[in-house]
Amino acid sequence: MKTLSRLQRYCSKNGLDNLIVPICDFKTSWDIWRTVERHFLASTDYILLEQKTTTLLQAGLTIDRMVEEAKEVAKQFSGITGTPLTPEHVMGLLFSLAAQSGAITNVNVSTA
């Protein structure tokens, strides 16, 4: 419940209220992937993945640009475990980190 509440506040603060359902879907997809693959994921790979996504989150990118960057990150990390990391997983990690930090608030909701 705490995470959902944080995600809701994050979405409201960033004008993403209409995307709360897909954002929760992405986060759930990430949580499932991480739960299954954490036993096979090297800690250095996880740290690097988290650093890359944190950088994306802090960059003030548009949602469309975040999706494009998530695709690139997924490609970079696709072979690190048995189940390939997808852009949806990366988006879930982005929103998971956003919910954890609460301090990251500069998402650009324009499509330009």
N, C-alpha and C. Protein backbone atom coordinates (compact mmCIF):
# COMPACT_ATOMS: atom_id res chain seq x y z
N MET A 1 0.81 -1.20 0.00
CA MET A 1 0.00 0.00 0.00
C MET A 1 0.86 1.26 0.00
N LYS A 2 1.95 1.24 0.75
CA LYS A 2 2.79 2.42 0.82
C LYS A 2 3.33 2.78 -0.56
N THR A 3 3.76 1.78 -1.32
CA THR A 3 4.31 2.04 -2.65
C THR A 3 3.23 2.59 -3.57
N LEU A 4 2.04 2.02 -3.51
CA LEU A 4 0.95 2.53 -4.34
C LEU A 4 0.63 3.98 -4.00
N SER A 5 0.65 4.30 -2.74
CA SER A 5 0.40 5.66 -2.32
C SER A 5 1.49 6.60 -2.84
N ARG A 6 2.72 6.15 -2.76
CA ARG A 6 3.83 6.96 -3.28
C ARG A 6 3.73 7.13 -4.79
N LEU A 7 3.39 6.05 -5.50
CA LEU A 7 3.23 6.16 -6.94
C LEU A 7 2.10 7.12 -7.31
N GLN A 8 1.01 7.07 -6.57
CA GLN A 8 -0.11 7.96 -6.82
C GLN A 8 0.32 9.41 -6.62
N ARG A 9 1.05 9.68 -5.55
CA ARG A 9 1.53 11.04 -5.30
C ARG A 9 2.52 11.48 -6.39
N TYR A 10 3.40 10.57 -6.77
CA TYR A 10 4.36 10.87 -7.84
C TYR A 10 3.62 11.22 -9.13
N CYS A 11 2.63 10.42 -9.48
CA CYS A 11 1.86 10.67 -10.71
C CYS A 11 1.11 11.99 -10.63
N SER A 12 0.50 12.27 -9.50
CA SER A 12 -0.22 13.53 -9.34
C SER A 12 0.72 14.72 -9.45
N LYS A 13 1.87 14.63 -8.82
CA LYS A 13 2.84 15.71 -8.82
C LYS A 13 3.39 15.99 -10.22
N ASN A 14 3.44 14.96 -11.05
CA ASN A 14 4.03 15.07 -12.38
C ASN A 14 3.02 15.07 -13.51
N GLY A 15 1.74 15.23 -13.19
CA GLY A 15 0.72 15.30 -14.22
C GLY A 15 0.50 13.98 -14.96
N LEU A 16 0.72 12.88 -14.27
CA LEU A 16 0.60 11.56 -14.88
C LEU A 16 -0.59 10.77 -14.36
N ASP A 17 -1.57 11.46 -13.82
CA ASP A 17 -2.72 10.78 -13.23
C ASP A 17 -3.40 9.81 -14.19
N ASN A 18 -3.45 10.18 -15.46
CA ASN A 18 -4.10 9.32 -16.46
C ASN A 18 -3.28 8.07 -16.79
N LEU A 19 -2.05 7.99 -16.29
CA LEU A 19 -1.18 6.85 -16.58
C LEU A 19 -0.94 5.96 -15.36
N ILE A 20 -1.66 6.16 -14.28
CA ILE A 20 -1.40 5.42 -13.05
C ILE A 20 -1.54 3.91 -13.25
N VAL A 21 -2.53 3.47 -14.01
CA VAL A 21 -2.73 2.03 -14.21
C VAL A 21 -1.56 1.42 -14.99
N PRO A 22 -1.17 1.99 -16.15
CA PRO A 22 -0.01 1.39 -16.83
C PRO A 22 1.27 1.49 -16.01
N ILE A 23 1.43 2.58 -15.27
CA ILE A 23 2.62 2.72 -14.42
C ILE A 23 2.65 1.61 -13.38
N CYS A 24 1.52 1.32 -12.76
CA CYS A 24 1.46 0.21 -11.79
C CYS A 24 1.72 -1.13 -12.47
N ASP A 25 1.23 -1.30 -13.70
CA ASP A 25 1.50 -2.52 -14.45
C ASP A 25 3.00 -2.68 -14.70
N PHE A 26 3.66 -1.59 -15.12
CA PHE A 26 5.10 -1.64 -15.34
C PHE A 26 5.84 -2.01 -14.06
N LYS A 27 5.45 -1.38 -12.96
CA LYS A 27 6.11 -1.65 -11.69
C LYS A 27 5.90 -3.10 -11.26
N THR A 28 4.72 -3.61 -11.44
CA THR A 28 4.43 -5.01 -11.10
C THR A 28 5.26 -5.95 -11.96
N SER A 29 5.36 -5.64 -13.25
CA SER A 29 6.18 -6.46 -14.15
C SER A 29 7.63 -6.47 -13.69
N TRP A 30 8.15 -5.31 -13.30
CA TRP A 30 9.51 -5.22 -12.78
C TRP A 30 9.67 -6.04 -11.52
N ASP A 31 8.74 -5.91 -10.59
CA ASP A 31 8.83 -6.64 -9.32
C ASP A 31 8.86 -8.15 -9.55
N ILE A 32 8.05 -8.62 -10.48
CA ILE A 32 8.03 -10.06 -10.79
C ILE A 32 9.36 -10.48 -11.40
N TRP A 33 9.85 -9.71 -12.38
CA TRP A 33 11.12 -10.04 -13.02
C TRP A 33 12.24 -10.08 -11.99
N ARG A 34 12.31 -9.05 -11.16
CA ARG A 34 13.37 -8.97 -10.15
C ARG A 34 13.28 -10.12 -9.15
N THR A 35 12.08 -10.47 -8.75
CA THR A 35 11.90 -11.56 -7.79
C THR A 35 12.40 -12.89 -8.36
N VAL A 36 12.11 -13.15 -9.62
CA VAL A 36 12.52 -14.40 -10.26
C VAL A 36 14.01 -14.38 -10.59
N GLU A 37 14.49 -13.29 -11.13
CA GLU A 37 15.85 -13.23 -11.67
C GLU A 37 16.92 -12.79 -10.66
N ARG A 38 16.53 -12.34 -9.49
CA ARG A 38 17.53 -11.82 -8.54
C ARG A 38 18.58 -12.85 -8.16
N HIS A 39 18.24 -14.11 -8.22
CA HIS A 39 19.19 -15.17 -7.88
C HIS A 39 20.25 -15.36 -8.96
N PHE A 40 19.97 -14.88 -10.16
CA PHE A 40 20.86 -15.05 -11.30
C PHE A 40 21.52 -13.75 -11.73
N LEU A 41 21.19 -12.67 -11.08
CA LEU A 41 21.65 -11.34 -11.45
C LEU A 41 22.86 -10.96 -10.60
N ALA A 42 23.97 -10.70 -11.26
CA ALA A 42 25.17 -10.27 -10.55
C ALA A 42 24.90 -8.92 -9.90
N SER A 43 25.41 -8.74 -8.70
CA SER A 43 25.14 -7.48 -7.99
C SER A 43 25.70 -6.28 -8.75
N THR A 44 26.82 -6.44 -9.43
CA THR A 44 27.37 -5.32 -10.21
C THR A 44 26.44 -4.96 -11.37
N ASP A 45 25.83 -5.95 -12.00
CA ASP A 45 24.87 -5.68 -13.08
C ASP A 45 23.66 -4.94 -12.53
N TYR A 46 23.18 -5.37 -11.37
CA TYR A 46 22.02 -4.72 -10.77
C TYR A 46 22.33 -3.27 -10.42
N ILE A 47 23.48 -3.04 -9.84
CA ILE A 47 23.87 -1.67 -9.46
C ILE A 47 23.96 -0.78 -10.70
N LEU A 48 24.57 -1.29 -11.76
CA LEU A 48 24.69 -0.52 -12.99
C LEU A 48 23.32 -0.24 -13.60
N LEU A 49 22.45 -1.24 -13.61
CA LEU A 49 21.09 -1.08 -14.12
C LEU A 49 20.34 0.00 -13.32
N GLU A 50 20.46 -0.07 -12.02
CA GLU A 50 19.79 0.91 -11.17
C GLU A 50 20.36 2.31 -11.38
N GLN A 51 21.67 2.42 -11.54
CA GLN A 51 22.29 3.72 -11.78
C GLN A 51 21.81 4.32 -13.10
N LYS A 52 21.76 3.50 -14.14
CA LYS A 52 21.31 4.00 -15.45
C LYS A 52 19.86 4.49 -15.38
N THR A 53 19.01 3.75 -14.72
CA THR A 53 17.61 4.14 -14.66
C THR A 53 17.42 5.36 -13.76
N THR A 54 18.20 5.46 -12.71
CA THR A 54 18.12 6.65 -11.85
C THR A 54 18.51 7.89 -12.63
N THR A 55 19.55 7.77 -13.43
CA THR A 55 19.98 8.89 -14.27
C THR A 55 18.87 9.30 -15.23
N LEU A 56 18.20 8.33 -15.83
CA LEU A 56 17.07 8.64 -16.72
C LEU A 56 15.96 9.36 -15.98
N LEU A 57 15.67 8.88 -14.80
CA LEU A 57 14.59 9.45 -14.01
C LEU A 57 14.89 10.89 -13.63
N GLN A 58 16.12 11.18 -13.36
CA GLN A 58 16.51 12.53 -12.92
C GLN A 58 16.70 13.50 -14.08
N ALA A 59 16.68 13.01 -15.31
CA ALA A 59 17.01 13.84 -16.47
C ALA A 59 15.87 14.75 -16.93
N GLY A 60 14.69 14.60 -16.39
CA GLY A 60 13.58 15.45 -16.80
C GLY A 60 13.10 15.18 -18.22
N LEU A 61 13.19 13.92 -18.64
CA LEU A 61 12.80 13.53 -19.99
C LEU A 61 11.29 13.48 -20.12
N THR A 62 10.82 13.58 -21.37
CA THR A 62 9.40 13.34 -21.62
C THR A 62 9.13 11.85 -21.42
N ILE A 63 7.88 11.51 -21.25
CA ILE A 63 7.51 10.09 -21.12
C ILE A 63 7.92 9.33 -22.38
N ASP A 64 7.67 9.93 -23.54
CA ASP A 64 8.06 9.26 -24.79
C ASP A 64 9.56 9.01 -24.85
N ARG A 65 10.33 9.97 -24.41
CA ARG A 65 11.79 9.81 -24.42
C ARG A 65 12.22 8.77 -23.38
N MET A 66 11.55 8.73 -22.23
CA MET A 66 11.85 7.72 -21.23
C MET A 66 11.63 6.32 -21.80
N VAL A 67 10.56 6.16 -22.56
CA VAL A 67 10.27 4.86 -23.19
C VAL A 67 11.39 4.49 -24.16
N GLU A 68 11.82 5.44 -24.96
CA GLU A 68 12.91 5.17 -25.91
C GLU A 68 14.19 4.79 -25.18
N GLU A 69 14.50 5.50 -24.12
CA GLU A 69 15.70 5.20 -23.34
C GLU A 69 15.57 3.84 -22.64
N ALA A 70 14.36 3.51 -22.19
CA ALA A 70 14.13 2.21 -21.55
C ALA A 70 14.39 1.08 -22.54
N LYS A 71 14.05 1.30 -23.80
CA LYS A 71 14.33 0.29 -24.83
C LYS A 71 15.83 0.07 -24.98
N GLU A 72 16.60 1.14 -24.94
CA GLU A 72 18.05 1.04 -25.06
C GLU A 72 18.66 0.33 -23.85
N VAL A 73 18.19 0.67 -22.67
CA VAL A 73 18.69 0.02 -21.45
C VAL A 73 18.35 -1.47 -21.49
N ALA A 74 17.14 -1.79 -21.91
CA ALA A 74 16.74 -3.20 -21.99
C ALA A 74 17.64 -3.97 -22.95
N LYS A 75 18.00 -3.35 -24.07
CA LYS A 75 18.92 -3.99 -25.02
C LYS A 75 20.27 -4.25 -24.38
N GLN A 76 20.77 -3.25 -23.67
CA GLN A 76 22.08 -3.36 -23.03
C GLN A 76 22.13 -4.49 -22.01
N PHE A 77 21.02 -4.72 -21.32
CA PHE A 77 21.00 -5.70 -20.24
C PHE A 77 20.20 -6.96 -20.58
N SER A 78 19.84 -7.15 -21.82
CA SER A 78 18.95 -8.24 -22.19
C SER A 78 19.51 -9.63 -21.90
N GLY A 79 20.80 -9.82 -21.95
CA GLY A 79 21.36 -11.16 -21.78
C GLY A 79 21.93 -11.45 -20.40
N ILE A 80 21.60 -10.65 -19.41
CA ILE A 80 22.23 -10.84 -18.10
C ILE A 80 21.59 -11.93 -17.26
N THR A 81 20.39 -12.34 -17.64
CA THR A 81 19.70 -13.42 -16.90
C THR A 81 18.95 -14.29 -17.90
N GLY A 82 18.32 -15.34 -17.41
CA GLY A 82 17.59 -16.27 -18.27
C GLY A 82 16.37 -15.64 -18.92
N THR A 83 15.69 -14.76 -18.20
CA THR A 83 14.53 -14.07 -18.75
C THR A 83 14.98 -12.69 -19.19
N PRO A 84 14.88 -12.40 -20.48
CA PRO A 84 15.38 -11.10 -20.96
C PRO A 84 14.68 -9.93 -20.27
N LEU A 85 15.46 -8.92 -20.01
CA LEU A 85 14.93 -7.67 -19.47
C LEU A 85 14.26 -6.93 -20.63
N THR A 86 13.03 -6.51 -20.42
CA THR A 86 12.27 -5.82 -21.47
C THR A 86 12.18 -4.32 -21.15
N PRO A 87 11.81 -3.52 -22.14
CA PRO A 87 11.58 -2.09 -21.85
C PRO A 87 10.51 -1.89 -20.77
N GLU A 88 9.53 -2.76 -20.74
CA GLU A 88 8.48 -2.66 -19.71
C GLU A 88 9.08 -2.87 -18.32
N HIS A 89 10.00 -3.81 -18.20
CA HIS A 89 10.68 -4.02 -16.92
C HIS A 89 11.46 -2.77 -16.51
N VAL A 90 12.16 -2.18 -17.48
CA VAL A 90 12.95 -0.99 -17.19
C VAL A 90 12.04 0.16 -16.77
N MET A 91 10.91 0.32 -17.45
CA MET A 91 9.96 1.36 -17.04
C MET A 91 9.45 1.09 -15.62
N GLY A 92 9.23 -0.18 -15.32
CA GLY A 92 8.81 -0.53 -13.96
C GLY A 92 9.87 -0.17 -12.94
N LEU A 93 11.13 -0.41 -13.27
CA LEU A 93 12.22 -0.02 -12.37
C LEU A 93 12.25 1.49 -12.21
N LEU A 94 12.08 2.22 -13.29
CA LEU A 94 12.04 3.68 -13.20
C LEU A 94 10.99 4.15 -12.20
N PHE A 95 9.80 3.60 -12.32
CA PHE A 95 8.73 4.04 -11.43
C PHE A 95 8.89 3.48 -10.02
N SER A 96 9.52 2.34 -9.89
CA SER A 96 9.83 1.81 -8.57
C SER A 96 10.80 2.74 -7.85
N LEU A 97 11.82 3.18 -8.57
CA LEU A 97 12.78 4.12 -7.98
C LEU A 97 12.12 5.45 -7.66
N ALA A 98 11.23 5.89 -8.52
CA ALA A 98 10.51 7.14 -8.26
C ALA A 98 9.68 7.03 -6.99
N ALA A 99 9.04 5.90 -6.79
CA ALA A 99 8.22 5.70 -5.59
C ALA A 99 9.10 5.63 -4.35
N GLN A 100 10.27 5.04 -4.48
CA GLN A 100 11.18 4.92 -3.33
C GLN A 100 11.74 6.27 -2.91
N SER A 101 12.09 7.10 -3.89
CA SER A 101 12.81 8.33 -3.56
C SER A 101 11.89 9.47 -3.16
N GLY A 102 10.80 9.61 -3.86
CA GLY A 102 9.91 10.73 -3.58
C GLY A 102 10.52 12.08 -3.92
N ALA A 103 11.82 12.16 -4.01
CA ALA A 103 12.50 13.42 -4.28
C ALA A 103 12.63 13.71 -5.76
N ILE A 104 12.45 12.71 -6.58
CA ILE A 104 12.63 12.88 -8.01
C ILE A 104 11.29 13.29 -8.60
N THR A 105 11.19 14.51 -9.06
CA THR A 105 9.89 15.02 -9.48
C THR A 105 9.90 15.73 -10.81
N ASN A 106 10.95 15.63 -11.58
CA ASN A 106 11.02 16.45 -12.77
C ASN A 106 10.77 15.68 -14.06
N VAL A 107 9.65 15.00 -14.15
CA VAL A 107 9.27 14.34 -15.39
C VAL A 107 8.60 15.38 -16.28
N ASN A 108 8.99 15.41 -17.53
CA ASN A 108 8.41 16.33 -18.50
C ASN A 108 7.29 15.59 -19.20
N VAL A 109 6.06 16.00 -19.01
CA VAL A 109 4.93 15.26 -19.56
C VAL A 109 4.60 15.67 -20.99
N SER A 110 5.27 16.64 -21.53
CA SER A 110 5.00 17.00 -22.93
C SER A 110 5.53 15.92 -23.85
N THR A 111 5.03 15.88 -25.05
CA THR A 111 5.47 14.87 -26.01
C THR A 111 6.47 15.44 -26.99
N ALA A 112 6.85 16.70 -26.81
CA ALA A 112 7.82 17.33 -27.73
C ALA A 112 9.24 16.93 -27.38
